[in-house]
Protein backbone atom coordinates (compact mmCIF):
# COMPACT_ATOMS: atom_id res chain seq x y z
CA MET A 1 4.13 -8.14 9.31
CA ALA A 2 3.13 -7.65 5.68
CA ALA A 3 5.47 -5.78 3.36
CA ASN A 4 2.77 -3.36 2.28
CA LYS A 5 2.20 -1.49 5.55
CA ARG A 6 0.82 2.01 5.15
CA PHE A 7 1.72 4.96 7.35
CA ILE A 8 0.51 8.55 7.68
CA ILE A 9 2.88 10.98 9.39
CA SER A 10 1.43 14.35 10.31
CA GLY A 11 2.73 17.64 11.68
CA GLY A 12 5.29 20.27 10.84
CA GLY A 13 5.63 24.03 10.83
CA THR A 14 9.32 24.12 11.75
CA GLY A 15 12.45 22.12 11.03
CA GLY A 16 12.18 20.84 14.59
CA HIS A 17 9.03 18.97 13.60
CA ILE A 18 9.86 18.13 10.00
CA PHE A 19 13.29 16.51 10.40
CA PRO A 20 12.06 14.05 13.08
CA ALA A 21 9.04 13.25 10.91
CA ILE A 22 11.21 12.42 7.90
CA SER A 23 13.62 10.43 10.08
CA ILE A 24 10.75 8.33 11.44
CA ALA A 25 9.47 7.70 7.91
CA ASN A 26 12.97 6.66 6.80
CA ALA A 27 13.29 4.25 9.74
CA LEU A 28 9.92 2.66 8.93
CA LYS A 29 10.85 2.49 5.24
CA LYS A 30 13.98 0.50 6.13
CA ARG A 31 11.72 -2.11 7.71
CA PHE A 32 9.12 -1.94 4.91
CA PRO A 33 10.83 -1.00 1.61
CA ASP A 34 7.54 -1.59 -0.21
CA GLY A 35 5.46 0.25 2.38
CA GLU A 36 3.38 3.30 1.47
CA PHE A 37 3.84 6.65 3.18
CA LEU A 38 1.79 9.82 3.21
CA PHE A 39 2.54 13.05 5.06
CA VAL A 40 -0.15 15.51 6.10
CA GLY A 41 1.06 19.07 6.76
CA ALA A 42 -0.20 22.63 6.97
CA GLU A 43 -0.64 24.60 3.76
CA GLY A 44 1.98 27.30 3.31
CA ARG A 45 4.38 25.85 5.89
CA MET A 46 7.88 24.59 5.19
CA GLU A 47 6.93 20.89 5.24
CA MET A 48 5.10 21.37 1.93
CA GLU A 49 8.51 21.97 0.34
CA ARG A 50 10.85 19.88 2.50
CA VAL A 51 8.90 16.61 2.55
CA PRO A 52 8.69 16.16 -1.26
CA LYS A 53 12.44 16.85 -1.45
CA ALA A 54 12.91 13.90 0.92
CA GLY A 55 10.97 11.71 -1.50
CA TYR A 56 7.56 11.55 0.18
CA LYS A 57 4.08 12.65 -0.88
CA ILE A 58 2.37 15.30 1.25
CA ILE A 59 -1.14 16.73 1.44
CA GLY A 60 -1.74 20.13 3.02
CA LEU A 61 -4.53 21.17 5.39
CA GLN A 62 -5.71 24.77 5.73
CA VAL A 63 -5.09 24.94 9.46
CA ASN A 64 -3.62 27.45 11.93
CA GLY A 65 -2.68 27.61 15.59
CA LEU A 66 -4.70 29.42 18.24
CA VAL A 67 -3.92 33.08 18.94
CA ARG A 68 -2.99 33.63 22.60
CA SER A 69 -4.96 36.84 23.00
CA MET A 70 -8.41 37.71 24.31
CA SER A 71 -8.54 41.01 22.41
CA PRO A 72 -11.43 41.45 19.92
CA SER A 73 -9.09 40.78 17.00
CA GLY A 74 -7.65 37.73 18.79
CA ILE A 75 -11.12 36.32 19.39
CA LEU A 76 -12.08 36.85 15.74
CA LYS A 77 -8.89 35.11 14.61
CA ASN A 78 -9.59 32.16 16.90
CA ILE A 79 -13.11 31.81 15.50
CA LYS A 80 -11.46 31.45 12.10
CA VAL A 81 -8.97 28.94 13.58
CA VAL A 82 -11.82 26.80 14.94
CA TYR A 83 -13.66 26.95 11.60
CA ARG A 84 -10.51 25.85 9.77
CA PHE A 85 -9.92 23.05 12.28
CA VAL A 86 -13.41 21.66 11.70
CA LYS A 87 -12.96 21.91 7.93
CA SER A 88 -9.50 20.28 8.19
CA TYR A 89 -10.89 17.52 10.42
CA PHE A 90 -13.34 16.44 7.72
CA LYS A 91 -10.64 16.61 5.05
CA ALA A 92 -8.30 14.58 7.26
CA LYS A 93 -11.06 12.05 7.87
CA SER A 94 -11.44 11.60 4.11
CA ILE A 95 -7.66 11.23 3.72
CA VAL A 96 -7.48 8.55 6.41
CA LYS A 97 -10.48 6.65 4.98
CA GLU A 98 -9.02 6.71 1.48
CA PHE A 99 -5.40 5.89 2.40
CA LYS A 100 -6.30 3.19 4.97
CA PRO A 101 -3.14 3.49 7.10
CA ASP A 102 -1.99 0.84 9.55
CA ALA A 103 -0.78 3.63 11.84
CA VAL A 104 -0.82 7.42 12.06
CA VAL A 105 2.09 9.25 13.70
CA GLY A 106 1.89 12.84 14.95
CA VAL A 107 5.04 14.90 15.48
CA GLY A 108 3.42 18.12 16.71
CA GLY A 109 2.37 21.22 14.83
CA TYR A 110 -1.02 22.44 13.63
CA ALA A 111 -1.72 19.73 11.07
CA SER A 112 -1.23 16.81 13.45
CA CYS A 113 -4.29 17.74 15.51
CA PRO A 114 -7.11 17.21 12.96
CA THR A 115 -5.26 14.27 11.36
CA LEU A 116 -4.74 12.25 14.55
CA TYR A 117 -8.14 13.20 15.91
CA ALA A 118 -9.75 11.88 12.72
CA ALA A 119 -7.65 8.68 12.85
CA ASN A 120 -8.65 8.13 16.49
CA LYS A 121 -12.32 8.48 15.61
CA LEU A 122 -11.87 5.93 12.81
CA GLY A 123 -10.15 3.42 15.09
CA VAL A 124 -6.71 3.65 13.48
CA PRO A 125 -3.76 3.18 15.89
CA THR A 126 -2.14 6.56 16.55
CA PHE A 127 1.19 7.60 18.08
CA LEU A 128 2.77 10.85 19.23
CA GLN A 129 6.34 12.07 19.21
CA GLU A 130 6.85 14.99 21.60
CA GLN A 131 10.20 16.69 21.03
CA ASN A 132 10.16 19.22 23.84
CA SER A 133 10.42 19.06 27.62
CA TYR A 134 7.14 20.99 27.80
CA ALA A 135 4.28 19.40 25.87
CA GLY A 136 2.45 21.35 23.19
CA VAL A 137 -1.29 22.02 23.28
CA ALA A 138 -2.00 19.74 20.29
CA ASN A 139 -0.16 16.76 21.76
CA LYS A 140 -1.78 17.18 25.19
CA PHE A 141 -5.19 17.26 23.50
CA LEU A 142 -4.45 14.12 21.48
CA SER A 143 -2.72 12.09 24.19
CA LYS A 144 -5.81 10.30 25.53
CA GLY A 145 -6.51 8.58 22.22
CA VAL A 146 -3.02 7.43 21.23
CA LYS A 147 -1.32 4.08 21.81
CA LYS A 148 2.13 5.36 22.81
CA ILE A 149 3.90 8.70 23.26
CA CYS A 150 7.60 8.85 22.39
CA VAL A 151 9.44 11.50 24.43
CA ALA A 152 12.93 12.93 24.81
CA TYR A 153 12.87 14.18 28.41
CA ASP A 154 12.18 12.83 31.87
CA GLY A 155 9.14 14.02 33.81
CA MET A 156 6.68 14.01 30.89
CA GLU A 157 4.05 12.29 33.05
CA ARG A 158 3.19 15.86 34.07
CA PHE A 159 1.45 16.15 30.71
CA PHE A 160 0.70 12.63 29.52
CA PRO A 161 -0.56 9.29 30.91
CA ALA A 162 2.57 7.68 32.39
CA GLU A 163 1.73 4.21 31.06
CA LYS A 164 1.87 5.50 27.47
CA LEU A 165 5.32 7.12 27.70
CA VAL A 166 8.38 5.64 26.00
CA MET A 167 11.78 7.35 26.24
CA THR A 168 13.20 7.37 22.72
CA GLY A 169 14.85 10.77 22.30
CA ASN A 170 14.50 12.97 19.22
CA PRO A 171 15.61 11.75 15.79
CA VAL A 172 18.36 13.90 14.24
CA ARG A 173 19.82 14.20 10.78
CA GLN A 174 22.27 11.32 10.51
CA ASP A 175 24.68 13.16 8.18
CA PHE A 176 25.84 15.19 11.19
CA LEU A 177 27.49 12.07 12.58
CA ASN A 178 29.55 11.29 9.49
CA VAL A 179 32.34 13.87 9.87
CA GLN A 180 34.94 13.46 12.62
CA LYS A 181 35.55 16.29 15.10
CA GLY A 182 38.40 18.48 13.90
CA ALA A 183 38.46 17.04 10.36
CA GLN A 184 40.78 19.12 8.16
CA GLU A 185 38.34 19.17 5.23
CA ALA A 186 35.82 20.88 7.50
CA TYR A 187 38.26 23.69 8.36
CA ASP A 188 39.17 24.00 4.67
CA PHE A 189 35.49 24.32 3.74
CA PHE A 190 35.17 27.48 5.86
CA GLY A 191 38.71 28.73 5.22
CA LEU A 192 39.58 28.40 8.90
CA ASP A 193 42.74 27.55 10.84
CA SER A 194 42.64 24.20 12.65
CA SER A 195 45.04 25.48 15.32
CA LYS A 196 42.59 28.13 16.55
CA LYS A 197 39.50 27.83 18.74
CA THR A 198 36.20 28.09 16.86
CA ILE A 199 32.75 29.19 18.00
CA LEU A 200 29.69 28.27 15.91
CA VAL A 201 26.73 30.65 16.24
CA ILE A 202 23.42 29.35 14.88
CA GLY A 203 19.97 30.91 15.11
CA GLY A 204 17.95 28.56 12.94
CA SER A 205 17.14 28.91 9.24
CA LEU A 206 15.28 32.18 9.80
CA GLY A 207 17.80 33.57 12.30
CA ALA A 208 17.49 34.86 15.86
CA ARG A 209 17.39 38.62 16.36
CA THR A 210 18.77 38.65 19.91
CA VAL A 211 21.63 36.28 19.09
CA ASN A 212 22.60 38.38 16.07
CA ASN A 213 22.43 41.63 18.05
CA SER A 214 24.60 40.03 20.72
CA ILE A 215 27.27 39.12 18.18
CA ILE A 216 27.14 42.62 16.66
CA ALA A 217 27.60 44.11 20.14
CA GLY A 218 30.64 41.90 20.68
CA LEU A 219 32.38 42.18 17.31
CA ASP A 220 35.32 44.20 18.71
CA ALA A 221 35.86 41.72 21.55
CA ILE A 222 35.68 38.79 19.11
CA LYS A 223 38.32 40.40 16.88
CA GLN A 224 40.65 41.12 19.80
CA SER A 225 40.32 37.54 21.10
CA GLY A 226 41.63 35.91 17.91
CA VAL A 227 38.91 33.23 18.25
CA GLN A 228 37.36 32.06 14.98
CA VAL A 229 33.58 32.47 14.64
CA ILE A 230 31.15 30.96 12.14
CA TRP A 231 28.11 33.23 12.36
CA GLN A 232 24.96 31.90 10.74
CA THR A 233 22.63 34.91 10.74
CA GLY A 234 19.51 33.55 9.03
CA LYS A 235 18.17 35.11 5.85
CA TYR A 236 16.17 37.92 7.50
CA TYR A 237 19.17 39.43 9.28
CA PHE A 238 21.98 38.67 6.85
CA GLU A 239 22.24 41.99 5.02
CA ASP A 240 22.73 44.07 8.16
CA ALA A 241 24.90 41.44 9.86
CA LYS A 242 27.19 41.11 6.81
CA LYS A 243 27.64 44.87 6.70
CA LYS A 244 28.66 44.93 10.38
CA ALA A 245 30.95 41.92 9.89
CA ASP A 246 32.69 43.58 6.92
CA GLU A 247 33.16 46.79 8.94
CA SER A 248 34.84 44.79 11.72
CA ASN A 249 37.47 43.63 9.20
CA ASN A 250 38.03 40.38 11.08
CA PRO A 251 39.67 37.60 9.03
CA ASN A 252 38.63 35.08 11.70
CA LEU A 253 34.90 35.77 11.20
CA VAL A 254 32.79 33.82 8.70
CA CYS A 255 29.38 35.47 8.28
CA THR A 256 26.72 33.60 6.30
CA ASP A 257 22.93 33.50 6.07
CA PHE A 258 22.85 29.70 5.76
CA VAL A 259 25.32 26.89 6.49
CA SER A 260 25.02 24.29 3.75
CA ARG A 261 27.31 21.82 5.54
CA MET A 262 26.25 21.70 9.16
CA ASP A 263 28.22 18.48 9.57
CA TYR A 264 31.39 20.45 8.83
CA ALA A 265 30.27 23.33 11.07
CA TYR A 266 29.77 21.00 14.02
CA ALA A 267 33.07 19.25 13.28
CA VAL A 268 35.10 22.48 13.70
CA ALA A 269 33.10 23.94 16.60
CA ASP A 270 34.72 23.94 20.03
CA LEU A 271 31.64 25.74 21.35
CA VAL A 272 28.15 26.21 19.90
CA VAL A 273 25.85 29.18 20.58
CA SER A 274 22.26 28.29 19.77
CA ARG A 275 18.59 28.76 20.51
CA ALA A 276 17.12 25.89 22.54
CA GLY A 277 14.84 24.12 20.09
CA ALA A 278 14.40 20.41 20.77
CA SER A 279 16.14 19.23 17.60
CA SER A 280 19.15 21.49 18.17
CA ILE A 281 19.53 20.20 21.73
CA SER A 282 19.29 16.58 20.57
CA GLU A 283 22.03 17.23 18.00
CA LEU A 284 24.29 18.92 20.55
CA CYS A 285 23.91 16.03 23.00
CA LEU A 286 24.46 13.34 20.39
CA LEU A 287 27.65 15.08 19.24
CA GLY A 288 28.73 15.92 22.79
CA LYS A 289 29.09 19.60 21.88
CA PRO A 290 29.58 22.21 24.61
CA SER A 291 26.98 24.91 24.11
CA ILE A 292 25.57 28.20 25.31
CA LEU A 293 21.80 28.16 24.90
CA VAL A 294 19.78 31.36 24.50
CA PRO A 295 16.13 30.25 24.70
CA SER A 296 13.69 32.11 22.49
CA PRO A 297 10.99 33.87 24.56
CA ASN A 298 8.67 33.89 21.53
CA VAL A 299 7.50 30.27 21.69
CA ALA A 300 4.48 28.54 23.21
CA GLU A 301 4.62 28.03 26.97
CA ASP A 302 8.24 29.29 27.00
CA HIS A 303 9.23 25.69 26.22
CA GLN A 304 12.74 26.59 25.01
CA THR A 305 13.66 27.81 28.49
CA LYS A 306 12.49 24.48 29.89
CA ASN A 307 14.50 22.63 27.20
CA ALA A 308 17.62 24.63 28.06
CA MET A 309 17.19 24.12 31.81
CA ALA A 310 16.96 20.36 31.28
CA LEU A 311 20.62 20.61 30.17
CA SER A 312 21.95 23.54 32.20
CA THR A 313 20.82 22.05 35.53
CA LYS A 314 22.94 18.97 34.70
CA ASN A 315 26.04 20.93 33.61
CA ALA A 316 25.36 19.83 30.02
CA ALA A 317 25.09 23.41 28.69
CA VAL A 318 25.24 27.05 29.82
CA MET A 319 21.99 29.02 29.61
CA ILE A 320 21.81 32.77 29.09
CA LYS A 321 18.41 34.50 29.16
CA ASP A 322 17.34 36.28 26.00
CA ALA A 323 17.01 39.61 27.87
CA GLU A 324 20.61 39.37 29.11
CA ALA A 325 22.24 38.07 25.93
CA VAL A 326 23.40 41.34 24.34
CA GLU A 327 25.38 42.13 27.48
CA LYS A 328 26.54 38.65 28.49
CA LEU A 329 26.67 36.29 25.50
CA VAL A 330 29.95 37.20 23.79
CA PRO A 331 31.97 37.69 27.03
CA GLU A 332 30.75 34.31 28.34
CA ALA A 333 31.41 32.56 25.01
CA LEU A 334 34.98 33.91 24.82
CA ARG A 335 35.61 32.96 28.45
CA LEU A 336 34.19 29.47 28.05
CA VAL A 337 35.91 28.59 24.77
CA ALA A 338 39.27 29.29 26.43
CA ASP A 339 38.48 27.03 29.40
CA GLU A 340 39.44 23.49 28.34
CA ALA A 341 38.32 21.88 31.60
CA SER A 342 34.83 23.42 31.43
CA LEU A 343 34.42 22.50 27.75
CA ALA A 344 35.38 18.90 28.48
CA SER A 345 33.00 18.69 31.45
CA ILE A 346 30.02 20.15 29.54
CA SER A 347 30.76 17.88 26.58
CA GLU A 348 30.83 14.78 28.80
CA HIS A 349 27.56 15.68 30.53
CA ALA A 350 25.82 16.55 27.24
CA PHE A 351 26.85 13.26 25.63
CA ALA A 352 25.57 11.38 28.69
CA LEU A 353 22.09 12.78 27.96
CA ALA A 354 22.12 11.71 24.30
CA GLN A 355 19.46 9.29 23.11
CA LYS A 356 20.92 7.23 20.26
CA ASP A 357 19.09 5.55 17.33
CA SER A 358 15.90 7.43 18.19
CA ALA A 359 14.15 7.01 14.84
CA ASP A 360 14.67 3.24 14.88
CA ARG A 361 13.45 3.05 18.47
CA ILE A 362 10.31 5.03 17.57
CA ALA A 363 9.71 2.71 14.59
CA SER A 364 9.95 -0.28 16.95
CA VAL A 365 7.41 1.29 19.32
CA ILE A 366 4.96 1.81 16.45
CA LEU A 367 5.40 -1.67 15.00
CA GLY A 368 5.02 -3.25 18.43
CA GLU A 369 1.48 -1.89 18.69
CA ILE A 370 0.01 -2.61 15.24
């Protein structure tokens, strides 16, 4: 294997796509320090900012996802989507021809579709990484032309050719694994008491409206319980959430729009409340964290519910439906965090589902085929 291998990695749109993409690039770069890497993302999406910060070059395509509506406006929007796809396909084809990659890896998201489709047409080996338990439209469309499909859940032969599937798990940010559970510096960072139970509430970088409303509805119960809560609201909901938190006058409540040290947050958490994105679930399993998952109903094919059920049916998490969260979330979280036996059981079952060294395993799959 020559030291100057070249790789294109395409996809993005959310952290759940971007962090695995960067992790895969890092794993390949460890094998080929002199290799060349190029990312292809969607213009205006977060990968255009995050990827350069990780030290990689990225090119953006003007591409969007299909609108799931047959209304006149939906049809007009989809005509524009198709036009942009065709335009992006020809741009991607030029990128692939010019860069001459040894392999192209798709991680899901709008941009991966024209990029991998162009690479397939040009005879370049292509690979998919599907993070979710329910395959996305782009990956299903691309699956026939790829060499291998790296997955994180059982049963993915429902969507993909079985002979192409490799169980690798989802790559996670390795810095999460560096801080020991219960480390004193982590409690000090948040100004918390290491002798008290702590619940971590996370709704993603943008926040989760239902999760935030559920916490607001339960602020009195949280205060009375004496349980510590780190509440990451997301930037869109922070102003209102902070006002409610201040009004509750609870010294055991840390309200923030963004957690800069998630490794510390996980280290102090006895219980995590989270949406059910694929990356979040992979992190929770790898850390063996007991969790309550509130799947977002606003995602394609309701895939977060399927992600959550993959854990909840194996006693590796508790799932609460979005529509029931305002009423049930805080009471269940306070009950569960006080139940040592249940926490230990969920932790054990979650850790048993963890897929370790995923990025390195994906790199091995790619290099075994080129």
